[in-house]
C-alpha atoms as a PDB file:
ATOM      1  CA  UNK A   1     -12.493  41.170  32.073  1.00  0.00           C
ATOM      2  CA  UNK A   2     -15.212  39.862  29.783  1.00  0.00           C
ATOM      3  CA  UNK A   3     -17.169  37.055  31.459  1.00  0.00           C
ATOM      4  CA  UNK A   4     -18.585  35.395  28.348  1.00  0.00           C
ATOM      5  CA  UNK A   5     -15.153  34.266  27.087  1.00  0.00           C
ATOM      6  CA  UNK A   6     -14.251  30.745  28.172  1.00  0.00           C
ATOM      7  CA  UNK A   7     -11.169  30.125  30.230  1.00  0.00           C
ATOM      8  CA  UNK A   8      -8.011  29.297  28.232  1.00  0.00           C
ATOM      9  CA  UNK A   9      -8.291  25.650  29.244  1.00  0.00           C
ATOM     10  CA  UNK A  10     -11.935  25.455  28.110  1.00  0.00           C
ATOM     11  CA  UNK A  11     -11.052  27.176  24.856  1.00  0.00           C
ATOM     12  CA  UNK A  12      -8.266  24.680  24.207  1.00  0.00           C
ATOM     13  CA  UNK A  13     -10.553  21.738  25.016  1.00  0.00           C
ATOM     14  CA  UNK A  14     -13.254  23.037  22.714  1.00  0.00           C
ATOM     15  CA  UNK A  15     -10.724  23.617  19.920  1.00  0.00           C
ATOM     16  CA  UNK A  16      -9.326  20.082  20.248  1.00  0.00           C
ATOM     17  CA  UNK A  17     -12.781  18.498  20.302  1.00  0.00           C
ATOM     18  CA  UNK A  18     -13.898  20.351  17.195  1.00  0.00           C
ATOM     19  CA  UNK A  19     -10.631  19.645  15.380  1.00  0.00           C
ATOM     20  CA  UNK A  20     -10.681  15.928  16.156  1.00  0.00           C
ATOM     21  CA  UNK A  21     -14.356  15.629  15.260  1.00  0.00           C
ATOM     22  CA  UNK A  22     -13.691  17.099  11.814  1.00  0.00           C
ATOM     23  CA  UNK A  23     -10.503  15.104  11.211  1.00  0.00           C
ATOM     24  CA  UNK A  24     -12.234  11.737  10.962  1.00  0.00           C
ATOM     25  CA  UNK A  25     -10.406   8.501  11.769  1.00  0.00           C
ATOM     26  CA  UNK A  26      -6.791   8.695  12.809  1.00  0.00           C
ATOM     27  CA  UNK A  27      -4.329   8.329   9.908  1.00  0.00           C
ATOM     28  CA  UNK A  28      -2.924   5.083  11.333  1.00  0.00           C
ATOM     29  CA  UNK A  29      -6.413   3.559  11.450  1.00  0.00           C
ATOM     30  CA  UNK A  30      -7.168   4.708   7.916  1.00  0.00           C
ATOM     31  CA  UNK A  31      -3.851   3.244   6.688  1.00  0.00           C
ATOM     32  CA  UNK A  32      -4.536  -0.065   8.411  1.00  0.00           C
ATOM     33  CA  UNK A  33      -8.010  -0.276   6.862  1.00  0.00           C
ATOM     34  CA  UNK A  34      -6.614   0.532   3.412  1.00  0.00           C
ATOM     35  CA  UNK A  35      -3.899  -2.107   3.787  1.00  0.00           C
ATOM     36  CA  UNK A  36      -6.439  -4.735   4.867  1.00  0.00           C
ATOM     37  CA  UNK A  37      -8.482  -3.918   1.759  1.00  0.00           C
ATOM     38  CA  UNK A  38      -5.373  -4.289  -0.444  1.00  0.00           C
ATOM     39  CA  UNK A  39      -4.648  -7.712   1.057  1.00  0.00           C
ATOM     40  CA  UNK A  40      -8.220  -8.843   0.420  1.00  0.00           C
ATOM     41  CA  UNK A  41      -7.927  -7.653  -3.202  1.00  0.00           C
ATOM     42  CA  UNK A  42      -4.696  -9.618  -3.597  1.00  0.00           C
ATOM     43  CA  UNK A  43      -6.334 -12.765  -2.219  1.00  0.00           C
ATOM     44  CA  UNK A  44      -8.993 -12.596  -4.916  1.00  0.00           C
ATOM     45  CA  UNK A  45      -6.774 -11.406  -7.769  1.00  0.00           C
ATOM     46  CA  UNK A  46      -5.525 -14.008 -10.266  1.00  0.00           C
ATOM     47  CA  UNK A  47      -2.103 -12.322 -10.050  1.00  0.00           C
ATOM     48  CA  UNK A  48      -2.039 -12.310  -6.251  1.00  0.00           C
ATOM     49  CA  UNK A  49       0.591  -9.880  -4.942  1.00  0.00           C
ATOM     50  CA  UNK A  50       2.364  -9.699  -8.311  1.00  0.00           C
ATOM     51  CA  UNK A  51       2.046  -7.219 -11.152  1.00  0.00           C
ATOM     52  CA  UNK A  52       3.536  -9.510 -13.807  1.00  0.00           C
ATOM     53  CA  UNK A  53       5.764 -12.510 -14.386  1.00  0.00           C
ATOM     54  CA  UNK A  54       9.026 -12.372 -16.300  1.00  0.00           C
ATOM     55  CA  UNK A  55      11.926 -14.624 -17.194  1.00  0.00           C
ATOM     56  CA  UNK A  56      15.333 -13.698 -15.779  1.00  0.00           C
ATOM     57  CA  UNK A  57      17.959 -15.375 -17.954  1.00  0.00           C
ATOM     58  CA  UNK A  58      21.491 -16.316 -16.910  1.00  0.00           C
ATOM     59  CA  UNK A  59      22.982 -13.967 -19.506  1.00  0.00           C
ATOM     60  CA  UNK A  60      21.126 -11.006 -17.993  1.00  0.00           C
ATOM     61  CA  UNK A  61      18.220 -10.893 -20.438  1.00  0.00           C
ATOM     62  CA  UNK A  62      14.771 -10.226 -18.994  1.00  0.00           C
ATOM     63  CA  UNK A  63      12.002 -11.643 -21.160  1.00  0.00           C
ATOM     64  CA  UNK A  64       8.201 -11.785 -21.123  1.00  0.00           C
ATOM     65  CA  UNK A  65       6.517 -14.975 -19.930  1.00  0.00           C
ATOM     66  CA  UNK A  66       6.437 -17.684 -22.568  1.00  0.00           C
ATOM     67  CA  UNK A  67       7.428 -21.338 -22.437  1.00  0.00           C
ATOM     68  CA  UNK A  68      11.196 -21.834 -22.183  1.00  0.00           C
ATOM     69  CA  UNK A  69      11.961 -18.208 -22.991  1.00  0.00           C
ATOM     70  CA  UNK A  70      15.529 -18.414 -21.624  1.00  0.00           C
ATOM     71  CA  UNK A  71      16.458 -21.590 -23.530  1.00  0.00           C
ATOM     72  CA  UNK A  72      18.639 -19.666 -25.988  1.00  0.00           C
ATOM     73  CA  UNK A  73      20.063 -17.480 -23.197  1.00  0.00           C
ATOM     74  CA  UNK A  74      21.691 -20.223 -21.117  1.00  0.00           C
ATOM     75  CA  UNK A  75      18.625 -20.981 -19.015  1.00  0.00           C
ATOM     76  CA  UNK A  76      17.045 -18.935 -16.300  1.00  0.00           C
ATOM     77  CA  UNK A  77      14.206 -18.671 -13.858  1.00  0.00           C
ATOM     78  CA  UNK A  78      10.750 -17.232 -13.939  1.00  0.00           C
ATOM     79  CA  UNK A  79       9.851 -14.788 -11.147  1.00  0.00           C
ATOM     80  CA  UNK A  80       6.956 -12.507 -10.373  1.00  0.00           C
ATOM     81  CA  UNK A  81       7.400  -8.752  -9.958  1.00  0.00           C
ATOM     82  CA  UNK A  82       5.775  -7.463  -6.772  1.00  0.00           C
ATOM     83  CA  UNK A  83       2.938  -5.022  -7.382  1.00  0.00           C
ATOM     84  CA  UNK A  84       3.260  -1.417  -6.186  1.00  0.00           C
ATOM     85  CA  UNK A  85       0.774  -2.056  -3.347  1.00  0.00           C
ATOM     86  CA  UNK A  86       2.758  -5.107  -2.215  1.00  0.00           C
ATOM     87  CA  UNK A  87       5.955  -3.046  -2.091  1.00  0.00           C
ATOM     88  CA  UNK A  88       4.190  -0.347  -0.069  1.00  0.00           C
ATOM     89  CA  UNK A  89       2.969  -2.913   2.452  1.00  0.00           C
END
């Protein structure tokens, strides 16, 4: 038996300590921090949580935002499209 080798338990502990020290923050913590940053960006963005606004007409047409775009399509409603980050949240 070689005396300078650590016991299996010590070797495992050392391995885990070194691995965790190199890994950085836990993935869940990193995700939470990234999501908080996204929310702050949305609060300050003129678009908020949306990527764009479009008209959804009663006849099925989807048109860019302009005044009364669905008038000739039987009316409709204007809605925002969620941004990719909003969908991921």
